[in-house]
């Protein structure tokens, strides 16, 4: 209503009862307090009568920063216990979870690794081959690389065209290296010996692969031969983990016949009566490079070795007879599919042995 003071308006001089004061001269709350005396460093502000709850400045704050109420008395936390020093685990004891001692620091490159308390002895190393062996069993440490050697360009093409070879397999990159040695035992020996002198392949497992001539009756082109040993002028070379290789080939090539037995070597193509004579020795198949390949591999150092061949001709299906082209195509297709089995065999060598 007109004439009544607005309660929302700030009082001015002369309004309402009480002494009048000017906005610029009247003593407000800050003017009534006057200048605050200086406090000693670290002292707390003292509440004055009528000034409300004392406030202490926020550490590091200046003018215009928010203030917070003074802290009350500290809560009673009970008797204080002295912190005990951390206990070191006993030698050989497993580290406790989140103790800070669970993972040992990595050794610097090139530094010699010393045995830790409670750990077994370090494996003895072979200075010539670069491999390590178990001092108790004498077993060779599993290889990290795989070398597959073949003689002919058509064999190399079949193995290289497998998807399992991956990019760069023919150049030595990846999990498997394909090596074309050339035809004949002497060529194979020189090529394999030179390849295993290079550092990436110094401890590699070696598989000799390609085509062969079957000696046993009932063999057909496209059958697989897994050697349990190879025979040559230098003697007999036993093969590694033959059962695992046979099982891997059966999974990779279901329906294909896999023969296991001795694989003999020759320095020339075998035909006719000579084929029967070799069969009389107990050999299952014959080729020109497998025996020389495995002998050269073991001469370069202890390692797993194997030989897998695909029958391209048999006593009933010799290369000079009708059907050679069809048999060759069948053998080529099988050879294209064996590399995944080789990799599975190689991975099985990397698994810890019980």
Protein backbone atom coordinates (compact mmCIF):
# COMPACT_ATOMS: atom_id res chain seq x y z
CA UNK A 1 0.00 0.00 0.00
CA UNK A 2 1.05 3.58 -0.52
CA UNK A 3 2.78 5.10 2.45
CA UNK A 4 3.91 1.77 3.96
CA UNK A 5 7.59 0.95 3.91
CA UNK A 6 8.68 -1.87 1.61
CA UNK A 7 10.16 -4.59 3.81
CA UNK A 8 12.41 -5.79 0.94
CA UNK A 9 14.10 -2.37 0.59
CA UNK A 10 17.25 -1.69 2.57
CA UNK A 11 16.73 0.96 5.25
CA UNK A 12 17.95 4.40 4.36
CA UNK A 13 18.77 7.38 6.48
CA UNK A 14 15.65 8.68 8.15
CA UNK A 15 13.57 5.60 7.54
CA UNK A 16 11.88 4.08 10.52
CA UNK A 17 12.88 4.43 14.15
CA UNK A 18 16.42 4.58 15.26
CA UNK A 19 19.32 6.89 14.57
CA UNK A 20 20.00 7.79 11.00
CA UNK A 21 23.44 6.96 9.45
CA UNK A 22 25.06 7.70 6.16
CA UNK A 23 26.15 4.86 3.90
CA UNK A 24 29.70 6.18 3.72
CA UNK A 25 30.18 7.23 7.36
CA UNK A 26 28.14 4.86 9.51
CA UNK A 27 30.18 2.38 11.59
CA UNK A 28 29.40 -1.07 10.06
CA UNK A 29 30.50 -4.40 11.48
CA UNK A 30 34.01 -4.18 9.96
CA UNK A 31 34.39 -0.60 11.16
CA UNK A 32 33.32 -1.59 14.68
CA UNK A 33 35.96 -4.37 14.80
CA UNK A 34 38.67 -2.16 13.52
CA UNK A 35 41.96 -3.59 12.33
CA UNK A 36 42.68 -7.13 13.57
CA UNK A 37 45.88 -7.52 15.52
CA UNK A 38 48.62 -9.68 14.05
CA UNK A 39 48.84 -13.29 15.20
CA UNK A 40 51.93 -15.28 15.79
CA UNK A 41 52.68 -17.83 13.08
CA UNK A 42 50.81 -21.07 13.75
CA UNK A 43 48.35 -19.52 16.26
CA UNK A 44 44.60 -19.94 15.87
CA UNK A 45 42.13 -17.00 15.65
CA UNK A 46 40.35 -16.13 18.87
CA UNK A 47 36.60 -15.60 18.81
CA UNK A 48 35.47 -12.20 19.98
CA UNK A 49 32.17 -11.61 21.73
CA UNK A 50 29.39 -11.19 19.21
CA UNK A 51 31.47 -12.05 16.15
CA UNK A 52 30.18 -15.63 15.64
CA UNK A 53 32.23 -18.71 14.89
CA UNK A 54 35.90 -17.95 14.27
CA UNK A 55 37.26 -18.91 10.89
CA UNK A 56 40.75 -19.98 10.00
CA UNK A 57 42.21 -19.30 6.57
CA UNK A 58 42.70 -22.16 4.13
CA UNK A 59 46.39 -22.90 3.86
CA UNK A 60 47.86 -21.23 0.83
CA UNK A 61 44.81 -19.01 0.30
CA UNK A 62 44.84 -15.28 -0.03
CA UNK A 63 42.30 -12.49 -0.08
CA UNK A 64 38.98 -13.48 -1.53
CA UNK A 65 39.43 -17.23 -0.92
CA UNK A 66 36.85 -19.23 0.95
CA UNK A 67 37.34 -19.81 4.64
CA UNK A 68 36.34 -22.88 6.61
CA UNK A 69 35.22 -23.28 10.19
CA UNK A 70 37.83 -24.05 12.79
CA UNK A 71 38.36 -27.74 13.45
CA UNK A 72 37.02 -29.25 16.61
CA UNK A 73 38.96 -31.43 18.99
CA UNK A 74 40.60 -34.51 17.42
CA UNK A 75 38.60 -37.74 17.91
CA UNK A 76 39.89 -40.31 20.34
CA UNK A 77 41.44 -43.11 18.29
CA UNK A 78 42.48 -45.22 21.20
CA UNK A 79 46.00 -46.26 22.07
CA UNK A 80 48.53 -45.80 19.26
CA UNK A 81 50.37 -48.94 18.15
CA UNK A 82 53.88 -48.78 16.90
CA UNK A 83 54.23 -49.80 13.23
CA UNK A 84 56.19 -53.00 12.84
CA UNK A 85 58.87 -53.21 10.13
CA UNK A 86 57.96 -55.37 7.10
CA UNK A 87 59.00 -58.98 7.39
CA UNK A 88 61.18 -60.50 4.67
CA UNK A 89 59.95 -63.86 3.32
CA UNK A 90 62.02 -66.86 4.18
CA UNK A 91 64.34 -68.14 1.42
CA UNK A 92 62.39 -70.37 -0.94
CA UNK A 93 58.99 -69.32 0.42
CA UNK A 94 56.41 -68.13 -2.16
CA UNK A 95 55.83 -64.35 -2.10
CA UNK A 96 52.56 -63.19 -0.55
CA UNK A 97 49.99 -61.34 -2.58
CA UNK A 98 50.60 -57.57 -2.92
CA UNK A 99 53.72 -57.75 -0.79
CA UNK A 100 55.92 -56.02 -3.31
CA UNK A 101 58.23 -59.01 -3.54
CA UNK A 102 56.22 -61.15 -5.91
CA UNK A 103 57.91 -60.30 -9.22
CA UNK A 104 61.70 -60.29 -9.38
CA UNK A 105 63.34 -57.53 -11.43
CA UNK A 106 64.15 -58.36 -15.02
CA UNK A 107 67.83 -58.96 -15.69
CA UNK A 108 69.64 -56.54 -17.95
CA UNK A 109 70.28 -57.74 -21.53
CA UNK A 110 73.48 -59.75 -21.56
CA UNK A 111 73.62 -60.09 -17.76
CA UNK A 112 74.29 -63.52 -16.31
CA UNK A 113 71.32 -64.98 -14.49
CA UNK A 114 72.14 -66.30 -11.04
CA UNK A 115 70.03 -68.97 -9.34
CA UNK A 116 67.59 -67.62 -6.76
CA UNK A 117 67.27 -69.14 -3.26
CA UNK A 118 65.13 -72.25 -3.45
CA UNK A 119 65.37 -72.51 -7.24
CA UNK A 120 66.89 -75.44 -9.07
CA UNK A 121 70.23 -75.36 -10.85
CA UNK A 122 70.59 -73.49 -14.12
CA UNK A 123 70.64 -75.68 -17.25
CA UNK A 124 74.05 -76.40 -18.61
CA UNK A 125 74.74 -74.76 -21.97
CA UNK A 126 76.28 -76.29 -25.04
CA UNK A 127 78.85 -73.78 -26.30
CA UNK A 128 78.96 -75.30 -29.79
CA UNK A 129 75.25 -75.53 -30.61
CA UNK A 130 73.97 -72.69 -28.41
CA UNK A 131 71.37 -74.97 -26.84
CA UNK A 132 70.80 -75.74 -23.17
CA UNK A 133 70.30 -79.17 -21.69
CA UNK A 134 68.87 -80.53 -18.47
CA UNK A 135 71.80 -81.67 -16.31
CA UNK A 136 69.75 -84.57 -14.92
CA UNK A 137 68.14 -85.99 -18.05
CA UNK A 138 70.42 -84.52 -20.70
CA UNK A 139 67.36 -83.50 -22.78
CA UNK A 140 67.86 -80.65 -25.21
CA UNK A 141 65.95 -77.46 -24.48
CA UNK A 142 63.00 -77.11 -26.91
CA UNK A 143 63.90 -75.12 -30.05
CA UNK A 144 62.23 -71.83 -30.91
CA UNK A 145 62.61 -72.13 -34.70
CA UNK A 146 61.70 -74.75 -37.31
CA UNK A 147 63.57 -75.46 -40.55
CA UNK A 148 61.81 -77.47 -43.28
CA UNK A 149 64.22 -78.63 -45.99
CA UNK A 150 63.24 -79.89 -49.45
CA UNK A 151 65.19 -80.50 -52.64
CA UNK A 152 63.07 -79.57 -55.66
CA UNK A 153 61.41 -76.36 -56.74
CA UNK A 154 58.05 -78.09 -57.06
CA UNK A 155 58.35 -79.31 -53.46
CA UNK A 156 59.28 -75.82 -52.26
CA UNK A 157 56.30 -74.36 -54.14
CA UNK A 158 53.90 -76.83 -52.55
CA UNK A 159 55.15 -76.14 -49.02
CA UNK A 160 55.32 -72.38 -49.53
CA UNK A 161 51.76 -72.19 -50.88
CA UNK A 162 50.37 -73.49 -47.59
CA UNK A 163 48.49 -70.83 -45.62
CA UNK A 164 50.26 -71.92 -42.42
CA UNK A 165 53.58 -70.67 -43.78
CA UNK A 166 52.50 -67.07 -43.27
CA UNK A 167 54.11 -63.95 -44.77
CA UNK A 168 57.84 -64.24 -45.29
CA UNK A 169 58.09 -67.94 -44.50
CA UNK A 170 60.23 -68.57 -47.56
CA UNK A 171 62.64 -65.83 -46.47
CA UNK A 172 63.27 -67.15 -42.99
CA UNK A 173 60.79 -65.02 -41.06
CA UNK A 174 58.06 -66.31 -38.78
CA UNK A 175 57.78 -69.66 -37.01
CA UNK A 176 59.01 -71.78 -39.95
CA UNK A 177 61.78 -71.40 -42.52
CA UNK A 178 61.57 -73.23 -45.86
CA UNK A 179 64.91 -74.17 -47.40
CA UNK A 180 65.41 -75.48 -50.91
CA UNK A 181 68.63 -77.50 -50.82
CA UNK A 182 68.95 -78.78 -54.35
CA UNK A 183 68.87 -82.35 -55.55
CA UNK A 184 71.08 -85.07 -54.09
CA UNK A 185 72.59 -85.89 -50.68
CA UNK A 186 75.69 -83.74 -51.05
CA UNK A 187 73.68 -80.66 -51.99
CA UNK A 188 71.37 -81.25 -49.02
CA UNK A 189 74.28 -81.66 -46.60
CA UNK A 190 75.96 -78.40 -47.66
CA UNK A 191 72.76 -76.33 -47.72
CA UNK A 192 71.53 -77.51 -44.29
CA UNK A 193 74.95 -77.08 -42.64
CA UNK A 194 75.19 -73.50 -43.95
CA UNK A 195 71.63 -72.62 -42.85
CA UNK A 196 72.16 -73.90 -39.30
CA UNK A 197 75.24 -71.73 -38.86
CA UNK A 198 73.06 -68.60 -38.93
CA UNK A 199 71.96 -67.34 -35.51
CA UNK A 200 68.15 -67.55 -35.97
CA UNK A 201 68.42 -71.25 -36.91
CA UNK A 202 71.35 -72.35 -34.77
CA UNK A 203 69.10 -74.41 -32.48
CA UNK A 204 66.18 -74.98 -34.88
CA UNK A 205 64.31 -78.25 -35.21
CA UNK A 206 64.69 -79.74 -38.69
CA UNK A 207 62.21 -81.63 -40.89
CA UNK A 208 63.19 -83.16 -44.23
CA UNK A 209 60.20 -83.19 -46.55
CA UNK A 210 59.20 -83.63 -50.17
CA UNK A 211 58.39 -86.58 -52.42
CA UNK A 212 59.63 -90.17 -52.20
CA UNK A 213 59.33 -93.54 -53.85
CA UNK A 214 57.31 -96.08 -51.93
CA UNK A 215 58.79 -99.57 -51.49
CA UNK A 216 56.00 -101.47 -49.72
CA UNK A 217 53.27 -103.21 -51.71
CA UNK A 218 49.90 -101.50 -51.51
CA UNK A 219 51.27 -97.96 -51.41
CA UNK A 220 49.60 -95.32 -53.57
CA UNK A 221 50.54 -91.82 -54.73
CA UNK A 222 49.50 -89.33 -52.07
CA UNK A 223 50.25 -91.67 -49.15
CA UNK A 224 52.35 -90.17 -46.35
CA UNK A 225 55.54 -91.69 -44.95
CA UNK A 226 56.72 -90.63 -41.48
CA UNK A 227 60.20 -91.97 -40.82
CA UNK A 228 61.01 -93.42 -37.42
CA UNK A 229 64.65 -93.45 -38.61
CA UNK A 230 66.65 -92.55 -41.70
CA UNK A 231 69.39 -94.74 -43.16
CA UNK A 232 72.37 -93.58 -45.17
CA UNK A 233 76.11 -93.99 -45.71
CA UNK A 234 76.80 -92.41 -42.29
CA UNK A 235 74.54 -94.84 -40.41
CA UNK A 236 71.08 -94.62 -38.86
CA UNK A 237 69.51 -91.41 -37.50
CA UNK A 238 66.52 -91.82 -35.14
CA UNK A 239 63.68 -89.32 -35.51
CA UNK A 240 62.02 -87.30 -32.75
CA UNK A 241 58.41 -87.61 -31.48
CA UNK A 242 57.21 -89.72 -34.39
CA UNK A 243 53.88 -90.54 -32.73
CA UNK A 244 53.04 -86.86 -32.25
CA UNK A 245 53.84 -86.17 -35.90
CA UNK A 246 51.67 -89.05 -37.12
CA UNK A 247 48.75 -87.83 -34.99
CA UNK A 248 49.14 -84.26 -36.28
CA UNK A 249 49.16 -85.44 -39.90
CA UNK A 250 46.07 -87.57 -39.34
CA UNK A 251 44.23 -84.49 -38.06
CA UNK A 252 45.47 -82.25 -40.87
CA UNK A 253 44.75 -84.78 -43.62
CA UNK A 254 41.81 -86.96 -42.60
CA UNK A 255 41.34 -89.96 -44.86
CA UNK A 256 44.97 -90.08 -46.02
CA UNK A 257 47.06 -93.17 -45.29
CA UNK A 258 50.09 -92.54 -43.06
CA UNK A 259 52.89 -95.15 -43.04
CA UNK A 260 55.58 -95.25 -40.36
CA UNK A 261 58.92 -97.00 -40.73
CA UNK A 262 62.54 -96.66 -41.89
CA UNK A 263 63.31 -94.24 -44.72
CA UNK A 264 66.45 -95.11 -46.65
CA UNK A 265 68.63 -92.84 -48.75
CA UNK A 266 70.07 -93.16 -52.24
CA UNK A 267 72.21 -90.99 -54.49
CA UNK A 268 70.20 -91.82 -57.63
CA UNK A 269 66.63 -92.58 -58.70
CA UNK A 270 65.69 -96.17 -57.76
CA UNK A 271 63.68 -98.37 -60.11
CA UNK A 272 62.81 -101.99 -60.79
CA UNK A 273 64.87 -104.73 -59.11
CA UNK A 274 66.81 -102.23 -56.98
CA UNK A 275 63.54 -101.13 -55.42
CA UNK A 276 62.80 -104.72 -54.36
CA UNK A 277 66.30 -105.09 -52.90
CA UNK A 278 65.83 -102.03 -50.72
CA UNK A 279 62.47 -103.33 -49.60
CA UNK A 280 64.19 -106.52 -48.43
CA UNK A 281 66.23 -104.43 -45.96
CA UNK A 282 63.01 -103.41 -44.18
CA UNK A 283 62.90 -99.87 -45.58
CA UNK A 284 59.45 -98.44 -46.23
CA UNK A 285 60.41 -95.76 -48.77
CA UNK A 286 63.47 -94.23 -50.44
CA UNK A 287 64.53 -90.68 -51.31
CA UNK A 288 67.81 -88.89 -51.98
CA UNK A 289 68.03 -86.16 -49.33
CA UNK A 290 66.37 -87.08 -46.01
CA UNK A 291 69.23 -89.11 -44.53
CA UNK A 292 71.83 -86.49 -45.49
CA UNK A 293 69.61 -83.65 -44.18
CA UNK A 294 69.11 -85.16 -40.71
CA UNK A 295 72.74 -86.26 -40.41
CA UNK A 296 73.94 -82.72 -41.19
CA UNK A 297 71.40 -81.24 -38.75
CA UNK A 298 72.62 -83.35 -35.82
CA UNK A 299 76.25 -82.73 -36.79
CA UNK A 300 75.56 -79.02 -36.19
CA UNK A 301 74.24 -79.67 -32.67
CA UNK A 302 71.58 -81.63 -30.76
CA UNK A 303 68.05 -80.83 -31.91
CA UNK A 304 64.73 -82.55 -32.79
CA UNK A 305 64.71 -83.99 -36.32
CA UNK A 306 62.05 -85.66 -38.45
CA UNK A 307 61.39 -86.75 -42.02
CA UNK A 308 57.99 -86.69 -43.73
CA UNK A 309 57.62 -87.67 -47.38
CA UNK A 310 54.69 -87.98 -49.78
CA UNK A 311 54.66 -91.03 -52.05
CA UNK A 312 54.73 -89.94 -55.67
CA UNK A 313 55.31 -93.39 -57.15
CA UNK A 314 55.04 -96.93 -55.79
CA UNK A 315 55.88 -100.45 -56.99
CA UNK A 316 52.56 -100.57 -58.82
CA UNK A 317 52.71 -96.89 -59.88
CA UNK A 318 56.24 -96.04 -61.06
CA UNK A 319 56.98 -92.64 -62.57
CA UNK A 320 57.58 -94.05 -66.05
CA UNK A 321 54.16 -95.68 -66.26
CA UNK A 322 50.72 -94.42 -67.24
CA UNK A 323 49.07 -92.38 -64.50
CA UNK A 324 52.22 -90.53 -63.50
CA UNK A 325 50.63 -87.11 -64.05
CA UNK A 326 47.59 -87.98 -61.94
CA UNK A 327 49.79 -89.41 -59.18
CA UNK A 328 52.01 -86.32 -59.23
CA UNK A 329 49.04 -83.99 -58.82
CA UNK A 330 47.73 -86.03 -55.89
CA UNK A 331 51.11 -85.96 -54.17
CA UNK A 332 51.44 -82.20 -54.75
CA UNK A 333 48.06 -81.53 -53.15
CA UNK A 334 48.99 -83.57 -50.09
CA UNK A 335 52.34 -81.83 -49.72
CA UNK A 336 50.54 -78.48 -49.76
CA UNK A 337 48.59 -79.52 -46.65
CA UNK A 338 51.32 -80.92 -44.39
CA UNK A 339 52.77 -77.69 -43.01
CA UNK A 340 50.08 -77.15 -40.31
CA UNK A 341 50.94 -80.61 -38.96
CA UNK A 342 54.64 -79.67 -38.92
CA UNK A 343 53.84 -76.57 -36.86
CA UNK A 344 51.69 -78.60 -34.46
CA UNK A 345 54.56 -81.07 -33.99
CA UNK A 346 56.92 -78.17 -33.39
CA UNK A 347 54.61 -76.60 -30.80
CA UNK A 348 54.39 -79.93 -28.97
CA UNK A 349 58.16 -79.83 -28.55
CA UNK A 350 57.85 -76.47 -26.77
CA UNK A 351 55.50 -77.85 -24.11
CA UNK A 352 57.10 -78.76 -20.77
CA UNK A 353 57.80 -82.46 -20.36
CA UNK A 354 56.73 -84.25 -17.18
